[in-house]
Each structure stands twice: as C-alpha cells, then as structure tokens.
Amino acid sequence: MTTMTLAGHTVHVNDEGFLTDPREWDESLASFLAGQIGIELTDEHWRAIRFLRDDFAHTGETATVRRISTVGGIPTKDLFRLFPQKPAKKLAYVAGLPKPRGCV
C-alpha cells in the first residue's frame, strides 16, 4: 500500500491508484480524481457517485454497472456516457472506493 498526496490530501492507494480507505475521500478529492481521467463532474455524475458511496456503506462492496443501473436507477447507457469505456471502474475510482469485483 502506498501513500500519495492528491489535491492536498494524503491518501492510501493500491497499485492501481484506487483509494484503500474510503474514509480518506471527500468531494474535492472526487473532482481532482475525475480530472485525472478527463471527466468534469456534473450533477449526473454526482448522483452516480453518491449512490455508489451510499450503496458501499450498506453492502461493504462496490456496486457493478448492473447494480448501479437496477438499484440506483441510472441507465447503463448513461453510465457509459458519464464514465466512458469502463464506467464501474472509473466511477469507483472517482468515488474513492475499491474497484468492483469482476472489473478487469
């Protein structure tokens, strides 16, 4: 586990850059992380991020695209538009959560 300073926050990350302690995350860090992958956050992004973090708090696991779509009510096509190519992985990264299981 590595410690990094991102946008003035000292955080613990794994070898892929995902935060290993979700408690180290805040919304300003999310904006920075999104910028790192070329995404400018809108209200739609925040809806997905807040769902993912809330769901993680209740289940202890990062939701997959299927769960975000069915439980979170965010259509899969919208997730791909908001977080292109790898929506679950990118969303988890920005939300400060572990990469979802089954996400290569």
PDB file of N, CA and C in Angstrom:
ATOM      1  N   MET A   1       0.845  -1.170   0.000  1.00  0.00           N
ATOM      2  CA  MET A   1       0.000   0.000   0.000  1.00  0.00           C
ATOM      3  C   MET A   1       0.895   1.240   0.000  1.00  0.00           C
ATOM      4  N   THR A   2       0.549   2.189  -0.812  1.00  0.00           N
ATOM      5  CA  THR A   2       1.332   3.402  -0.993  1.00  0.00           C
ATOM      6  C   THR A   2       0.552   4.602  -0.467  1.00  0.00           C
ATOM      7  N   THR A   3       1.275   5.582   0.025  1.00  0.00           N
ATOM      8  CA  THR A   3       0.666   6.842   0.437  1.00  0.00           C
ATOM      9  C   THR A   3       0.991   7.884  -0.624  1.00  0.00           C
ATOM     10  N   MET A   4      -0.009   8.650  -1.029  1.00  0.00           N
ATOM     11  CA  MET A   4       0.164   9.707  -2.024  1.00  0.00           C
ATOM     12  C   MET A   4      -0.506  10.978  -1.517  1.00  0.00           C
ATOM     13  N   THR A   5      -0.050  12.102  -2.041  1.00  0.00           N
ATOM     14  CA  THR A   5      -0.733  13.358  -1.776  1.00  0.00           C
ATOM     15  C   THR A   5      -1.412  13.788  -3.063  1.00  0.00           C
ATOM     16  N   LEU A   6      -2.736  13.887  -3.006  1.00  0.00           N
ATOM     17  CA  LEU A   6      -3.553  14.262  -4.158  1.00  0.00           C
ATOM     18  C   LEU A   6      -4.423  15.443  -3.759  1.00  0.00           C
ATOM     19  N   ALA A   7      -4.297  16.528  -4.463  1.00  0.00           N
ATOM     20  CA  ALA A   7      -5.105  17.729  -4.206  1.00  0.00           C
ATOM     21  C   ALA A   7      -5.052  18.136  -2.732  1.00  0.00           C
ATOM     22  N   GLY A   8      -3.870  18.015  -2.139  1.00  0.00           N
ATOM     23  CA  GLY A   8      -3.698  18.410  -0.751  1.00  0.00           C
ATOM     24  C   GLY A   8      -4.133  17.377   0.273  1.00  0.00           C
ATOM     25  N   HIS A   9      -4.567  16.204  -0.177  1.00  0.00           N
ATOM     26  CA  HIS A   9      -4.998  15.127   0.709  1.00  0.00           C
ATOM     27  C   HIS A   9      -3.940  14.033   0.703  1.00  0.00           C
ATOM     28  N   THR A  10      -3.566  13.550   1.863  1.00  0.00           N
ATOM     29  CA  THR A  10      -2.700  12.387   1.933  1.00  0.00           C
ATOM     30  C   THR A  10      -3.613  11.174   2.019  1.00  0.00           C
ATOM     31  N   VAL A  11      -3.475  10.289   1.041  1.00  0.00           N
ATOM     32  CA  VAL A  11      -4.358   9.127   0.951  1.00  0.00           C
ATOM     33  C   VAL A  11      -3.543   7.863   0.717  1.00  0.00           C
ATOM     34  N   HIS A  12      -4.137   6.737   1.076  1.00  0.00           N
ATOM     35  CA  HIS A  12      -3.531   5.431   0.833  1.00  0.00           C
ATOM     36  C   HIS A  12      -4.157   4.857  -0.437  1.00  0.00           C
ATOM     37  N   VAL A  13      -3.311   4.388  -1.341  1.00  0.00           N
ATOM     38  CA  VAL A  13      -3.784   3.833  -2.611  1.00  0.00           C
ATOM     39  C   VAL A  13      -3.149   2.478  -2.861  1.00  0.00           C
ATOM     40  N   ASN A  14      -3.810   1.694  -3.712  1.00  0.00           N
ATOM     41  CA  ASN A  14      -3.224   0.418  -4.114  1.00  0.00           C
ATOM     42  C   ASN A  14      -2.385   0.631  -5.367  1.00  0.00           C
ATOM     43  N   ASP A  15      -1.892  -0.453  -5.948  1.00  0.00           N
ATOM     44  CA  ASP A  15      -1.010  -0.346  -7.116  1.00  0.00           C
ATOM     45  C   ASP A  15      -1.714   0.172  -8.362  1.00  0.00           C
ATOM     46  N   GLU A  16      -3.054   0.211  -8.359  1.00  0.00           N
ATOM     47  CA  GLU A  16      -3.808   0.752  -9.495  1.00  0.00           C
ATOM     48  C   GLU A  16      -4.259   2.189  -9.251  1.00  0.00           C
ATOM     49  N   GLY A  17      -3.952   2.736  -8.080  1.00  0.00           N
ATOM     50  CA  GLY A  17      -4.329   4.106  -7.767  1.00  0.00           C
ATOM     51  C   GLY A  17      -5.663   4.266  -7.070  1.00  0.00           C
ATOM     52  N   PHE A  18      -6.343   3.161  -6.745  1.00  0.00           N
ATOM     53  CA  PHE A  18      -7.623   3.226  -6.026  1.00  0.00           C
ATOM     54  C   PHE A  18      -7.368   3.469  -4.547  1.00  0.00           C
ATOM     55  N   LEU A  19      -8.159   4.358  -3.946  1.00  0.00           N
ATOM     56  CA  LEU A  19      -8.053   4.575  -2.513  1.00  0.00           C
ATOM     57  C   LEU A  19      -8.342   3.276  -1.777  1.00  0.00           C
ATOM     58  N   THR A  20      -7.570   3.001  -0.746  1.00  0.00           N
ATOM     59  CA  THR A  20      -7.799   1.785   0.037  1.00  0.00           C
ATOM     60  C   THR A  20      -8.598   2.057   1.307  1.00  0.00           C
ATOM     61  N   ASP A  21      -8.779   3.321   1.643  1.00  0.00           N
ATOM     62  CA  ASP A  21      -9.588   3.695   2.799  1.00  0.00           C
ATOM     63  C   ASP A  21     -10.615   4.732   2.350  1.00  0.00           C
ATOM     64  N   PRO A  22     -11.860   4.305   2.128  1.00  0.00           N
ATOM     65  CA  PRO A  22     -12.887   5.229   1.645  1.00  0.00           C
ATOM     66  C   PRO A  22     -13.116   6.437   2.546  1.00  0.00           C
ATOM     67  N   ARG A  23     -12.710   6.360   3.813  1.00  0.00           N
ATOM     68  CA  ARG A  23     -12.884   7.484   4.733  1.00  0.00           C
ATOM     69  C   ARG A  23     -11.939   8.644   4.406  1.00  0.00           C
ATOM     70  N   GLU A  24     -10.924   8.398   3.588  1.00  0.00           N
ATOM     71  CA  GLU A  24      -9.982   9.452   3.214  1.00  0.00           C
ATOM     72  C   GLU A  24     -10.511  10.319   2.066  1.00  0.00           C
ATOM     73  N   TRP A  25     -11.643   9.958   1.514  1.00  0.00           N
ATOM     74  CA  TRP A  25     -12.248  10.629   0.360  1.00  0.00           C
ATOM     75  C   TRP A  25     -13.115  11.796   0.802  1.00  0.00           C
ATOM     76  N   ASP A  26     -13.162  12.839  -0.020  1.00  0.00           N
ATOM     77  CA  ASP A  26     -14.181  13.873   0.118  1.00  0.00           C
ATOM     78  C   ASP A  26     -14.503  14.396  -1.277  1.00  0.00           C
ATOM     79  N   GLU A  27     -15.480  15.279  -1.382  1.00  0.00           N
ATOM     80  CA  GLU A  27     -15.941  15.724  -2.694  1.00  0.00           C
ATOM     81  C   GLU A  27     -14.891  16.506  -3.468  1.00  0.00           C
ATOM     82  N   SER A  28     -14.030  17.243  -2.780  1.00  0.00           N
ATOM     83  CA  SER A  28     -12.983  17.964  -3.512  1.00  0.00           C
ATOM     84  C   SER A  28     -11.982  16.989  -4.110  1.00  0.00           C
ATOM     85  N   LEU A  29     -11.722  15.892  -3.414  1.00  0.00           N
ATOM     86  CA  LEU A  29     -10.830  14.870  -3.955  1.00  0.00           C
ATOM     87  C   LEU A  29     -11.477  14.200  -5.167  1.00  0.00           C
ATOM     88  N   ALA A  30     -12.789  14.001  -5.116  1.00  0.00           N
ATOM     89  CA  ALA A  30     -13.501  13.404  -6.252  1.00  0.00           C
ATOM     90  C   ALA A  30     -13.322  14.250  -7.499  1.00  0.00           C
ATOM     91  N   SER A  31     -13.445  15.546  -7.361  1.00  0.00           N
ATOM     92  CA  SER A  31     -13.275  16.439  -8.518  1.00  0.00           C
ATOM     93  C   SER A  31     -11.865  16.329  -9.085  1.00  0.00           C
ATOM     94  N   PHE A  32     -10.879  16.239  -8.204  1.00  0.00           N
ATOM     95  CA  PHE A  32      -9.492  16.083  -8.644  1.00  0.00           C
ATOM     96  C   PHE A  32      -9.295  14.754  -9.362  1.00  0.00           C
ATOM     97  N   LEU A  33      -9.786  13.662  -8.768  1.00  0.00           N
ATOM     98  CA  LEU A  33      -9.639  12.337  -9.369  1.00  0.00           C
ATOM     99  C   LEU A  33     -10.331  12.267 -10.730  1.00  0.00           C
ATOM    100  N   ALA A  34     -11.511  12.875 -10.822  1.00  0.00           N
ATOM    101  CA  ALA A  34     -12.231  12.900 -12.100  1.00  0.00           C
ATOM    102  C   ALA A  34     -11.402  13.627 -13.151  1.00  0.00           C
ATOM    103  N   GLY A  35     -10.814  14.745 -12.777  1.00  0.00           N
ATOM    104  CA  GLY A  35      -9.969  15.490 -13.704  1.00  0.00           C
ATOM    105  C   GLY A  35      -8.780  14.681 -14.175  1.00  0.00           C
ATOM    106  N   GLN A  36      -8.254  13.816 -13.308  1.00  0.00           N
ATOM    107  CA  GLN A  36      -7.123  12.958 -13.665  1.00  0.00           C
ATOM    108  C   GLN A  36      -7.468  12.022 -14.823  1.00  0.00           C
ATOM    109  N   ILE A  37      -8.747  11.675 -14.948  1.00  0.00           N
ATOM    110  CA  ILE A  37      -9.164  10.762 -16.022  1.00  0.00           C
ATOM    111  C   ILE A  37     -10.008  11.474 -17.077  1.00  0.00           C
ATOM    112  N   GLY A  38      -9.937  12.802 -17.078  1.00  0.00           N
ATOM    113  CA  GLY A  38     -10.581  13.580 -18.135  1.00  0.00           C
ATOM    114  C   GLY A  38     -12.070  13.787 -18.008  1.00  0.00           C
ATOM    115  N   ILE A  39     -12.581  13.734 -16.783  1.00  0.00           N
ATOM    116  CA  ILE A  39     -14.016  13.908 -16.563  1.00  0.00           C
ATOM    117  C   ILE A  39     -14.257  15.154 -15.729  1.00  0.00           C
ATOM    118  N   GLU A  40     -15.198  15.986 -16.187  1.00  0.00           N
ATOM    119  CA  GLU A  40     -15.629  17.147 -15.409  1.00  0.00           C
ATOM    120  C   GLU A  40     -16.986  16.789 -14.809  1.00  0.00           C
ATOM    121  N   LEU A  41     -17.072  16.812 -13.495  1.00  0.00           N
ATOM    122  CA  LEU A  41     -18.269  16.330 -12.807  1.00  0.00           C
ATOM    123  C   LEU A  41     -19.461  17.270 -12.953  1.00  0.00           C
ATOM    124  N   THR A  42     -20.591  16.655 -13.268  1.00  0.00           N
ATOM    125  CA  THR A  42     -21.873  17.350 -13.366  1.00  0.00           C
ATOM    126  C   THR A  42     -22.804  16.788 -12.294  1.00  0.00           C
ATOM    127  N   ASP A  43     -24.013  17.318 -12.214  1.00  0.00           N
ATOM    128  CA  ASP A  43     -24.992  16.785 -11.260  1.00  0.00           C
ATOM    129  C   ASP A  43     -25.273  15.303 -11.517  1.00  0.00           C
ATOM    130  N   GLU A  44     -25.272  14.900 -12.784  1.00  0.00           N
ATOM    131  CA  GLU A  44     -25.497  13.486 -13.117  1.00  0.00           C
ATOM    132  C   GLU A  44     -24.380  12.606 -12.556  1.00  0.00           C
ATOM    133  N   HIS A  45     -23.141  13.067 -12.685  1.00  0.00           N
ATOM    134  CA  HIS A  45     -22.008  12.325 -12.116  1.00  0.00           C
ATOM    135  C   HIS A  45     -22.165  12.194 -10.610  1.00  0.00           C
ATOM    136  N   TRP A  46     -22.523  13.315  -9.958  1.00  0.00           N
ATOM    137  CA  TRP A  46     -22.667  13.302  -8.501  1.00  0.00           C
ATOM    138  C   TRP A  46     -23.765  12.355  -8.052  1.00  0.00           C
ATOM    139  N   ARG A  47     -24.829  12.244  -8.820  1.00  0.00           N
ATOM    140  CA  ARG A  47     -25.902  11.295  -8.475  1.00  0.00           C
ATOM    141  C   ARG A  47     -25.344   9.876  -8.437  1.00  0.00           C
ATOM    142  N   ALA A  48     -24.553   9.523  -9.443  1.00  0.00           N
ATOM    143  CA  ALA A  48     -23.960   8.187  -9.506  1.00  0.00           C
ATOM    144  C   ALA A  48     -22.945   7.981  -8.373  1.00  0.00           C
ATOM    145  N   ILE A  49     -22.124   8.976  -8.132  1.00  0.00           N
ATOM    146  CA  ILE A  49     -21.106   8.885  -7.073  1.00  0.00           C
ATOM    147  C   ILE A  49     -21.776   8.705  -5.716  1.00  0.00           C
ATOM    148  N   ARG A  50     -22.784   9.493  -5.446  1.00  0.00           N
ATOM    149  CA  ARG A  50     -23.462   9.408  -4.143  1.00  0.00           C
ATOM    150  C   ARG A  50     -24.178   8.065  -3.978  1.00  0.00           C
ATOM    151  N   PHE A  51     -24.783   7.575  -5.060  1.00  0.00           N
ATOM    152  CA  PHE A  51     -25.401   6.252  -4.977  1.00  0.00           C
ATOM    153  C   PHE A  51     -24.338   5.209  -4.649  1.00  0.00           C
ATOM    154  N   LEU A  52     -23.225   5.238  -5.369  1.00  0.00           N
ATOM    155  CA  LEU A  52     -22.185   4.227  -5.192  1.00  0.00           C
ATOM    156  C   LEU A  52     -21.641   4.244  -3.763  1.00  0.00           C
ATOM    157  N   ARG A  53     -21.367   5.422  -3.226  1.00  0.00           N
ATOM    158  CA  ARG A  53     -20.828   5.524  -1.868  1.00  0.00           C
ATOM    159  C   ARG A  53     -21.859   5.065  -0.822  1.00  0.00           C
ATOM    160  N   ASP A  54     -23.117   5.436  -1.021  1.00  0.00           N
ATOM    161  CA  ASP A  54     -24.166   5.017  -0.093  1.00  0.00           C
ATOM    162  C   ASP A  54     -24.350   3.502  -0.148  1.00  0.00           C
ATOM    163  N   ASP A  55     -24.368   2.947  -1.352  1.00  0.00           N
ATOM    164  CA  ASP A  55     -24.525   1.511  -1.520  1.00  0.00           C
ATOM    165  C   ASP A  55     -23.346   0.773  -0.875  1.00  0.00           C
ATOM    166  N   PHE A  56     -22.138   1.293  -1.063  1.00  0.00           N
ATOM    167  CA  PHE A  56     -20.947   0.681  -0.454  1.00  0.00           C
ATOM    168  C   PHE A  56     -21.068   0.696   1.072  1.00  0.00           C
ATOM    169  N   ALA A  57     -21.555   1.787   1.622  1.00  0.00           N
ATOM    170  CA  ALA A  57     -21.712   1.896   3.080  1.00  0.00           C
ATOM    171  C   ALA A  57     -22.671   0.831   3.621  1.00  0.00           C
ATOM    172  N   HIS A  58     -23.667   0.469   2.816  1.00  0.00           N
ATOM    173  CA  HIS A  58     -24.649  -0.529   3.254  1.00  0.00           C
ATOM    174  C   HIS A  58     -24.237  -1.964   2.954  1.00  0.00           C
ATOM    175  N   THR A  59     -23.518  -2.189   1.858  1.00  0.00           N
ATOM    176  CA  THR A  59     -23.198  -3.557   1.447  1.00  0.00           C
ATOM    177  C   THR A  59     -21.750  -3.960   1.717  1.00  0.00           C
ATOM    178  N   GLY A  60     -20.864  -2.976   1.810  1.00  0.00           N
ATOM    179  CA  GLY A  60     -19.445  -3.290   2.003  1.00  0.00           C
ATOM    180  C   GLY A  60     -18.740  -3.678   0.725  1.00  0.00           C
ATOM    181  N   GLU A  61     -19.437  -3.570  -0.407  1.00  0.00           N
ATOM    182  CA  GLU A  61     -18.849  -3.885  -1.714  1.00  0.00           C
ATOM    183  C   GLU A  61     -19.184  -2.779  -2.699  1.00  0.00           C
ATOM    184  N   THR A  62     -18.290  -2.591  -3.664  1.00  0.00           N
ATOM    185  CA  THR A  62     -18.539  -1.600  -4.707  1.00  0.00           C
ATOM    186  C   THR A  62     -19.486  -2.207  -5.733  1.00  0.00           C
ATOM    187  N   ALA A  63     -20.559  -1.505  -6.021  1.00  0.00           N
ATOM    188  CA  ALA A  63     -21.583  -1.989  -6.948  1.00  0.00           C
ATOM    189  C   ALA A  63     -21.046  -2.111  -8.373  1.00  0.00           C
ATOM    190  N   THR A  64     -21.571  -3.079  -9.087  1.00  0.00           N
ATOM    191  CA  THR A  64     -21.268  -3.259 -10.502  1.00  0.00           C
ATOM    192  C   THR A  64     -22.182  -2.363 -11.328  1.00  0.00           C
ATOM    193  N   VAL A  65     -21.916  -2.266 -12.625  1.00  0.00           N
ATOM    194  CA  VAL A  65     -22.771  -1.481 -13.520  1.00  0.00           C
ATOM    195  C   VAL A  65     -24.207  -1.976 -13.439  1.00  0.00           C
ATOM    196  N   ARG A  66     -24.379  -3.277 -13.402  1.00  0.00           N
ATOM    197  CA  ARG A  66     -25.736  -3.837 -13.344  1.00  0.00           C
ATOM    198  C   ARG A  66     -26.476  -3.361 -12.091  1.00  0.00           C
ATOM    199  N   ARG A  67     -25.811  -3.387 -10.951  1.00  0.00           N
ATOM    200  CA  ARG A  67     -26.455  -2.950  -9.694  1.00  0.00           C
ATOM    201  C   ARG A  67     -26.721  -1.446  -9.710  1.00  0.00           C
ATOM    202  N   ILE A  68     -25.773  -0.674 -10.217  1.00  0.00           N
ATOM    203  CA  ILE A  68     -25.965   0.773 -10.294  1.00  0.00           C
ATOM    204  C   ILE A  68     -27.189   1.084 -11.147  1.00  0.00           C
ATOM    205  N   SER A  69     -27.340   0.324 -12.222  1.00  0.00           N
ATOM    206  CA  SER A  69     -28.460   0.537 -13.127  1.00  0.00           C
ATOM    207  C   SER A  69     -29.782   0.083 -12.511  1.00  0.00           C
ATOM    208  N   THR A  70     -29.811  -1.130 -11.959  1.00  0.00           N
ATOM    209  CA  THR A  70     -31.080  -1.659 -11.454  1.00  0.00           C
ATOM    210  C   THR A  70     -31.468  -1.071 -10.100  1.00  0.00           C
ATOM    211  N   VAL A  71     -30.534  -0.981  -9.174  1.00  0.00           N
ATOM    212  CA  VAL A  71     -30.857  -0.473  -7.837  1.00  0.00           C
ATOM    213  C   VAL A  71     -30.761   1.052  -7.790  1.00  0.00           C
ATOM    214  N   GLY A  72     -29.752   1.587  -8.444  1.00  0.00           N
ATOM    215  CA  GLY A  72     -29.541   3.033  -8.433  1.00  0.00           C
ATOM    216  C   GLY A  72     -30.407   3.791  -9.411  1.00  0.00           C
ATOM    217  N   GLY A  73     -31.000   3.063 -10.367  1.00  0.00           N
ATOM    218  CA  GLY A  73     -31.896   3.701 -11.324  1.00  0.00           C
ATOM    219  C   GLY A  73     -31.197   4.564 -12.370  1.00  0.00           C
ATOM    220  N   ILE A  74     -29.918   4.296 -12.591  1.00  0.00           N
ATOM    221  CA  ILE A  74     -29.166   5.051 -13.595  1.00  0.00           C
ATOM    222  C   ILE A  74     -28.939   4.125 -14.783  1.00  0.00           C
ATOM    223  N   PRO A  75     -29.559   4.409 -15.919  1.00  0.00           N
ATOM    224  CA  PRO A  75     -29.440   3.523 -17.081  1.00  0.00           C
ATOM    225  C   PRO A  75     -27.980   3.272 -17.490  1.00  0.00           C
ATOM    226  N   THR A  76     -27.721   2.058 -17.917  1.00  0.00           N
ATOM    227  CA  THR A  76     -26.370   1.663 -18.330  1.00  0.00           C
ATOM    228  C   THR A  76     -25.818   2.600 -19.391  1.00  0.00           C
ATOM    229  N   LYS A  77     -26.649   2.991 -20.356  1.00  0.00           N
ATOM    230  CA  LYS A  77     -26.164   3.883 -21.419  1.00  0.00           C
ATOM    231  C   LYS A  77     -25.710   5.219 -20.841  1.00  0.00           C
ATOM    232  N   ASP A  78     -26.390   5.680 -19.793  1.00  0.00           N
ATOM    233  CA  ASP A  78     -25.979   6.929 -19.141  1.00  0.00           C
ATOM    234  C   ASP A  78     -24.650   6.757 -18.418  1.00  0.00           C
ATOM    235  N   LEU A  79     -24.458   5.605 -17.787  1.00  0.00           N
ATOM    236  CA  LEU A  79     -23.185   5.348 -17.108  1.00  0.00           C
ATOM    237  C   LEU A  79     -22.022   5.363 -18.098  1.00  0.00           C
ATOM    238  N   PHE A  80     -22.237   4.766 -19.270  1.00  0.00           N
ATOM    239  CA  PHE A  80     -21.187   4.767 -20.289  1.00  0.00           C
ATOM    240  C   PHE A  80     -20.946   6.170 -20.847  1.00  0.00           C
ATOM    241  N   ARG A  81     -21.961   6.992 -20.873  1.00  0.00           N
ATOM    242  CA  ARG A  81     -21.787   8.370 -21.329  1.00  0.00           C
ATOM    243  C   ARG A  81     -21.034   9.187 -20.278  1.00  0.00           C
ATOM    244  N   LEU A  82     -21.373   8.981 -19.022  1.00  0.00           N
ATOM    245  CA  LEU A  82     -20.757   9.741 -17.932  1.00  0.00           C
ATOM    246  C   LEU A  82     -19.324   9.301 -17.636  1.00  0.00           C
ATOM    247  N   PHE A  83     -19.105   7.991 -17.686  1.00  0.00           N
ATOM    248  CA  PHE A  83     -17.794   7.410 -17.371  1.00  0.00           C
ATOM    249  C   PHE A  83     -17.411   6.475 -18.524  1.00  0.00           C
ATOM    250  N   PRO A  84     -16.960   7.040 -19.657  1.00  0.00           N
ATOM    251  CA  PRO A  84     -16.737   6.274 -20.887  1.00  0.00           C
ATOM    252  C   PRO A  84     -15.812   5.065 -20.736  1.00  0.00           C
ATOM    253  N   GLN A  85     -16.138   4.041 -21.498  1.00  0.00           N
ATOM    254  CA  GLN A  85     -15.372   2.814 -21.677  1.00  0.00           C
ATOM    255  C   GLN A  85     -15.433   1.859 -20.493  1.00  0.00           C
ATOM    256  N   LYS A  86     -15.130   2.299 -19.300  1.00  0.00           N
ATOM    257  CA  LYS A  86     -15.154   1.417 -18.130  1.00  0.00           C
ATOM    258  C   LYS A  86     -15.880   2.127 -16.985  1.00  0.00           C
ATOM    259  N   PRO A  87     -17.208   2.232 -17.086  1.00  0.00           N
ATOM    260  CA  PRO A  87     -17.935   3.058 -16.125  1.00  0.00           C
ATOM    261  C   PRO A  87     -17.810   2.616 -14.666  1.00  0.00           C
ATOM    262  N   ALA A  88     -17.898   1.340 -14.384  1.00  0.00           N
ATOM    263  CA  ALA A  88     -17.834   0.900 -12.986  1.00  0.00           C
ATOM    264  C   ALA A  88     -16.460   1.190 -12.388  1.00  0.00           C
ATOM    265  N   LYS A  89     -15.429   0.920 -13.152  1.00  0.00           N
ATOM    266  CA  LYS A  89     -14.060   1.141 -12.680  1.00  0.00           C
ATOM    267  C   LYS A  89     -13.794   2.635 -12.475  1.00  0.00           C
ATOM    268  N   LYS A  90     -14.167   3.449 -13.443  1.00  0.00           N
ATOM    269  CA  LYS A  90     -13.929   4.893 -13.343  1.00  0.00           C
ATOM    270  C   LYS A  90     -14.778   5.519 -12.239  1.00  0.00           C
ATOM    271  N   LEU A  91     -16.006   5.089 -12.121  1.00  0.00           N
ATOM    272  CA  LEU A  91     -16.879   5.608 -11.080  1.00  0.00           C
ATOM    273  C   LEU A  91     -16.335   5.255  -9.698  1.00  0.00           C
ATOM    274  N   ALA A  92     -15.893   4.029  -9.513  1.00  0.00           N
ATOM    275  CA  ALA A  92     -15.314   3.621  -8.224  1.00  0.00           C
ATOM    276  C   ALA A  92     -14.066   4.438  -7.911  1.00  0.00           C
ATOM    277  N   TYR A  93     -13.234   4.667  -8.908  1.00  0.00           N
ATOM    278  CA  TYR A  93     -12.013   5.455  -8.732  1.00  0.00           C
ATOM    279  C   TYR A  93     -12.347   6.866  -8.239  1.00  0.00           C
ATOM    280  N   VAL A  94     -13.275   7.512  -8.913  1.00  0.00           N
ATOM    281  CA  VAL A  94     -13.658   8.881  -8.558  1.00  0.00           C
ATOM    282  C   VAL A  94     -14.355   8.910  -7.191  1.00  0.00           C
ATOM    283  N   ALA A  95     -15.117   7.873  -6.871  1.00  0.00           N
ATOM    284  CA  ALA A  95     -15.848   7.814  -5.607  1.00  0.00           C
ATOM    285  C   ALA A  95     -14.969   7.381  -4.437  1.00  0.00           C
ATOM    286  N   GLY A  96     -13.712   7.070  -4.706  1.00  0.00           N
ATOM    287  CA  GLY A  96     -12.802   6.688  -3.631  1.00  0.00           C
ATOM    288  C   GLY A  96     -13.069   5.317  -3.050  1.00  0.00           C
ATOM    289  N   LEU A  97     -13.573   4.415  -3.891  1.00  0.00           N
ATOM    290  CA  LEU A  97     -13.931   3.072  -3.450  1.00  0.00           C
ATOM    291  C   LEU A  97     -13.093   2.015  -4.171  1.00  0.00           C
ATOM    292  N   PRO A  98     -13.072   0.777  -3.647  1.00  0.00           N
ATOM    293  CA  PRO A  98     -12.334  -0.292  -4.327  1.00  0.00           C
ATOM    294  C   PRO A  98     -12.942  -0.586  -5.701  1.00  0.00           C
ATOM    295  N   LYS A  99     -12.110  -1.080  -6.591  1.00  0.00           N
ATOM    296  CA  LYS A  99     -12.584  -1.500  -7.906  1.00  0.00           C
ATOM    297  C   LYS A  99     -13.616  -2.614  -7.698  1.00  0.00           C
ATOM    298  N   PRO A 100     -14.734  -2.564  -8.435  1.00  0.00           N
ATOM    299  CA  PRO A 100     -15.757  -3.601  -8.276  1.00  0.00           C
ATOM    300  C   PRO A 100     -15.226  -4.991  -8.622  1.00  0.00           C
ATOM    301  N   ARG A 101     -15.761  -5.997  -7.954  1.00  0.00           N
ATOM    302  CA  ARG A 101     -15.400  -7.381  -8.282  1.00  0.00           C
ATOM    303  C   ARG A 101     -15.842  -7.681  -9.705  1.00  0.00           C
ATOM    304  N   GLY A 102     -15.038  -8.422 -10.401  1.00  0.00           N
ATOM    305  CA  GLY A 102     -15.365  -8.758 -11.780  1.00  0.00           C
ATOM    306  C   GLY A 102     -14.993  -7.669 -12.757  1.00  0.00           C
ATOM    307  N   CYS A 103     -14.415  -6.593 -12.267  1.00  0.00           N
ATOM    308  CA  CYS A 103     -13.987  -5.483 -13.125  1.00  0.00           C
ATOM    309  C   CYS A 103     -12.512  -5.687 -13.430  1.00  0.00           C
ATOM    310  N   VAL A 104     -12.215  -6.003 -14.680  1.00  0.00           N
ATOM    311  CA  VAL A 104     -10.838  -6.334 -15.061  1.00  0.00           C
ATOM    312  C   VAL A 104      -9.963  -5.092 -15.058  1.00  0.00           C
TER     313      VAL A 104
END
